[in-house]
Structure formats: structure tokens, C-alpha cells
Amino acid sequence: MKLITPLLFATSLFMADTALAQTDVNRDIDVAKVYVQVVKEGYGTPAIYLKLANEYYFHYNYSEAKLWYEKVFETEKPTDKTILFRYKQSLKALKLKPEDNPYLAVSTTN
């Protein structure tokens, strides 16, 4: 019995190590690449554009975020204050003036 217990323990440790070494599909997928491919295939929607914009915004890629936020604004009227805030922050990060932006001028006049 004393010999079996360490053997079972060693086997369980080995199994735990191999389980951790497997790829986590949800963690390893680049969401932006998937959504860009969806848009390229012609299935772009404002919701997908917004997901792309937010994905790039939160990964500090402000030039791409700006592009996708503008795509959202071209398809929908910008009303959500959070989206407008993130868009303004992207412009500021790119050293562009939010005051001169046509998408923000439309949202503040209403």
C-alpha cells in the first residue's frame, strides 16, 4: 500500500501537467482577426464594427480603433456617450483635434 500511494500521486501530477499544456482555444484566438475576416467576407454590421473598434481601443491600437469607430458612425448615428468618449480618446492619442471632427460635430449638435 505504501508503494501505491506515491505512484498514484506521481500519476496525478503528470496528468495535471499535461492538462495545463493543452491549448485554450478561447484564449488563443485573435478576435480582431476573426472579425476582420467576417467583414472582408461581406458580413459587416455596426455591431461587428463596434466590437472591432473596442478590441483595437483596448489594445492601444488607436489608428485602427479610429477607423472602425468611424465605420460605426457611417452606418449609425453616434449617440452612445461611451463610444463617443472612446473615439475622442483615440483621436487625442493620435494627436488629432476632436473639435475638427465631423462625426463629433454631428453628435454634439443634437
Protein backbone atom coordinates (compact mmCIF):
# COMPACT_ATOMS: atom_id res chain seq x y z
CA MET A 1 0.00 0.00 0.00
CA LYS A 2 2.88 2.37 0.77
CA LEU A 3 4.25 1.91 -2.74
CA ILE A 4 0.91 2.54 -4.46
CA THR A 5 0.24 5.93 -2.83
CA PRO A 6 3.35 7.70 -4.23
CA LEU A 7 2.71 6.10 -7.60
CA LEU A 8 -0.86 7.44 -7.68
CA PHE A 9 0.36 10.86 -6.58
CA ALA A 10 3.01 10.98 -9.32
CA THR A 11 0.47 9.88 -11.92
CA SER A 12 -2.00 12.58 -10.87
CA LEU A 13 0.74 15.25 -11.08
CA PHE A 14 1.67 14.08 -14.57
CA MET A 15 -1.96 14.23 -15.69
CA ALA A 16 -2.34 17.77 -14.28
CA ASP A 17 0.77 18.96 -16.15
CA THR A 18 -0.44 17.59 -19.47
CA ALA A 19 -3.87 19.17 -18.98
CA LEU A 20 -2.26 22.59 -18.47
CA ALA A 21 -0.10 22.20 -21.55
CA GLN A 22 -3.11 21.91 -23.86
CA THR A 23 -4.14 24.93 -25.90
CA ASP A 24 -7.01 27.03 -24.61
CA VAL A 25 -8.87 27.84 -27.81
CA ASN A 26 -10.82 30.73 -26.31
CA ARG A 27 -7.66 32.41 -25.06
CA ASP A 28 -5.50 31.89 -28.13
CA ILE A 29 -7.86 33.22 -30.81
CA ASP A 30 -7.25 36.77 -32.03
CA VAL A 31 -10.78 38.18 -32.02
CA ALA A 32 -9.86 41.12 -34.22
CA LYS A 33 -8.59 38.83 -36.99
CA VAL A 34 -11.80 36.84 -36.91
CA TYR A 35 -14.00 39.94 -37.13
CA VAL A 36 -11.87 41.49 -39.89
CA GLN A 37 -12.27 38.27 -41.87
CA VAL A 38 -16.04 38.41 -41.32
CA VAL A 39 -16.11 42.00 -42.65
CA LYS A 40 -13.96 41.03 -45.64
CA GLU A 41 -16.46 38.29 -46.47
CA GLY A 42 -19.20 40.91 -46.63
CA TYR A 43 -20.94 40.34 -43.32
CA GLY A 44 -20.04 43.62 -41.66
CA THR A 45 -22.62 45.11 -39.32
CA PRO A 46 -22.48 48.07 -36.93
CA ALA A 47 -22.21 45.61 -34.03
CA ILE A 48 -19.16 43.93 -35.59
CA TYR A 49 -17.58 47.30 -36.39
CA LEU A 50 -18.08 48.32 -32.77
CA LYS A 51 -16.53 45.10 -31.48
CA LEU A 52 -13.52 45.70 -33.72
CA ALA A 53 -13.23 49.32 -32.62
CA ASN A 54 -13.36 48.37 -28.95
CA GLU A 55 -10.92 45.50 -29.43
CA TYR A 56 -8.35 47.81 -31.00
CA TYR A 57 -9.08 50.59 -28.48
CA PHE A 58 -8.40 48.33 -25.51
CA HIS A 59 -5.21 47.05 -27.13
CA TYR A 60 -3.95 50.62 -27.62
CA ASN A 61 -4.10 50.47 -31.42
CA TYR A 62 -5.81 53.83 -31.75
CA SER A 63 -5.41 54.25 -35.51
CA GLU A 64 -7.35 51.03 -36.15
CA ALA A 65 -9.85 51.91 -33.42
CA LYS A 66 -10.46 55.28 -35.09
CA LEU A 67 -11.07 53.58 -38.43
CA TRP A 68 -13.66 51.17 -37.00
CA TYR A 69 -15.40 53.78 -34.84
CA GLU A 70 -15.83 55.88 -37.97
CA LYS A 71 -17.25 52.85 -39.76
CA VAL A 72 -19.80 52.55 -36.95
CA PHE A 73 -20.65 56.26 -37.29
CA GLU A 74 -21.12 55.87 -41.05
CA THR A 75 -23.75 53.19 -40.50
CA GLU A 76 -25.43 54.54 -37.35
CA LYS A 77 -25.91 57.89 -35.68
CA PRO A 78 -23.40 58.18 -32.81
CA THR A 79 -25.43 58.53 -29.61
CA ASP A 80 -23.75 56.30 -27.02
CA LYS A 81 -21.60 58.52 -24.81
CA THR A 82 -19.15 55.70 -24.07
CA ILE A 83 -18.48 55.13 -27.77
CA LEU A 84 -18.06 58.85 -28.34
CA PHE A 85 -15.69 59.10 -25.39
CA ARG A 86 -13.53 56.23 -26.66
CA TYR A 87 -13.50 57.76 -30.12
CA LYS A 88 -12.38 61.12 -28.69
CA GLN A 89 -9.66 59.40 -26.68
CA SER A 90 -8.46 57.63 -29.82
CA LEU A 91 -8.27 60.96 -31.62
CA LYS A 92 -6.35 62.52 -28.75
CA ALA A 93 -3.91 59.60 -28.67
CA LEU A 94 -3.30 60.16 -32.38
CA LYS A 95 -2.84 63.90 -31.71
CA LEU A 96 -5.88 64.83 -33.78
CA LYS A 97 -8.24 67.59 -32.71
CA PRO A 98 -11.68 66.29 -31.70
CA GLU A 99 -13.14 69.77 -32.33
CA ASP A 100 -12.48 69.48 -36.07
CA ASN A 101 -14.02 66.04 -36.41
CA PRO A 102 -17.23 65.77 -38.47
CA TYR A 103 -18.54 62.74 -36.57
CA LEU A 104 -18.32 64.53 -33.24
CA ALA A 105 -19.84 67.72 -34.66
CA VAL A 106 -22.95 65.75 -35.67
CA SER A 107 -23.29 64.18 -32.23
CA THR A 108 -22.96 67.45 -30.28
CA THR A 109 -25.43 69.48 -32.36
CA ASN A 110 -28.39 67.29 -31.36
